[in-house]
Protein backbone atom coordinates (compact mmCIF):
# COMPACT_ATOMS: atom_id res chain seq x y z
CA UNK A 1 43.45 -82.92 20.75
CA UNK A 2 43.25 -84.24 17.22
CA UNK A 3 40.40 -84.48 14.73
CA UNK A 4 40.00 -88.18 15.49
CA UNK A 5 39.38 -87.49 19.19
CA UNK A 6 36.48 -85.12 18.50
CA UNK A 7 32.83 -86.08 18.88
CA UNK A 8 30.82 -86.48 15.69
CA UNK A 9 29.06 -83.18 16.36
CA UNK A 10 32.37 -81.35 16.46
CA UNK A 11 33.62 -83.25 13.41
CA UNK A 12 30.49 -82.21 11.51
CA UNK A 13 30.93 -78.57 12.52
CA UNK A 14 34.62 -78.68 11.57
CA UNK A 15 33.76 -80.12 8.15
CA UNK A 16 30.93 -77.63 7.67
CA UNK A 17 33.27 -74.72 8.43
CA UNK A 18 35.58 -75.98 5.66
CA UNK A 19 32.89 -75.68 2.96
CA UNK A 20 33.89 -72.08 2.04
CA UNK A 21 37.47 -73.30 1.63
CA UNK A 22 36.28 -76.03 -0.74
CA UNK A 23 34.27 -73.46 -2.71
CA UNK A 24 37.34 -71.22 -2.95
CA UNK A 25 39.42 -74.18 -4.11
CA UNK A 26 36.83 -75.03 -6.78
CA UNK A 27 36.89 -71.43 -8.02
CA UNK A 28 40.69 -71.52 -8.12
CA UNK A 29 40.61 -74.75 -10.15
CA UNK A 30 38.13 -73.20 -12.59
CA UNK A 31 40.29 -70.12 -13.15
CA UNK A 32 43.51 -72.11 -13.46
CA UNK A 33 44.41 -72.10 -17.15
CA UNK A 34 47.06 -74.82 -17.01
CA UNK A 35 44.53 -77.63 -16.36
CA UNK A 36 42.43 -79.17 -19.08
CA UNK A 37 38.65 -78.99 -18.76
CA UNK A 38 38.38 -82.75 -18.17
CA UNK A 39 40.95 -82.67 -15.36
CA UNK A 40 39.21 -79.68 -13.78
CA UNK A 41 35.86 -81.48 -13.86
CA UNK A 42 37.42 -84.59 -12.31
CA UNK A 43 39.06 -82.59 -9.50
CA UNK A 44 35.86 -80.65 -8.78
CA UNK A 45 33.75 -83.82 -8.81
CA UNK A 46 36.09 -85.54 -6.38
CA UNK A 47 36.17 -82.50 -4.07
CA UNK A 48 32.39 -82.20 -4.01
CA UNK A 49 31.89 -85.94 -3.54
CA UNK A 50 34.32 -86.12 -0.62
CA UNK A 51 32.91 -83.00 1.03
CA UNK A 52 29.26 -84.02 0.70
CA UNK A 53 29.85 -87.62 1.74
CA UNK A 54 31.88 -86.54 4.78
CA UNK A 55 29.16 -84.10 5.82
CA UNK A 56 26.41 -86.73 5.45
CA UNK A 57 28.45 -89.36 7.27
CA UNK A 58 29.37 -87.18 10.25
CA UNK A 59 25.83 -85.79 10.46
CA UNK A 60 24.28 -89.26 10.53
CA UNK A 61 26.80 -90.49 13.11
CA UNK A 62 26.17 -87.36 15.20
CA UNK A 63 22.41 -88.02 15.21
CA UNK A 64 22.97 -91.68 16.19
CA UNK A 65 25.36 -90.54 18.94
CA UNK A 66 22.63 -88.54 20.68
């Protein structure tokens, strides 16, 4: 069974479980000295935007699916 075959409730839960991983990745980016500050901010902004939008999308689809 793949991610695409899951119901929206299970997709939401799967994405929600990945939030600590995203937080750990953000912390790793912040402590990485080889990236410039601008590049770090861009990466973090993209990560947060993708994570939040995916959570909102799957949550709204899950509620419509009921």
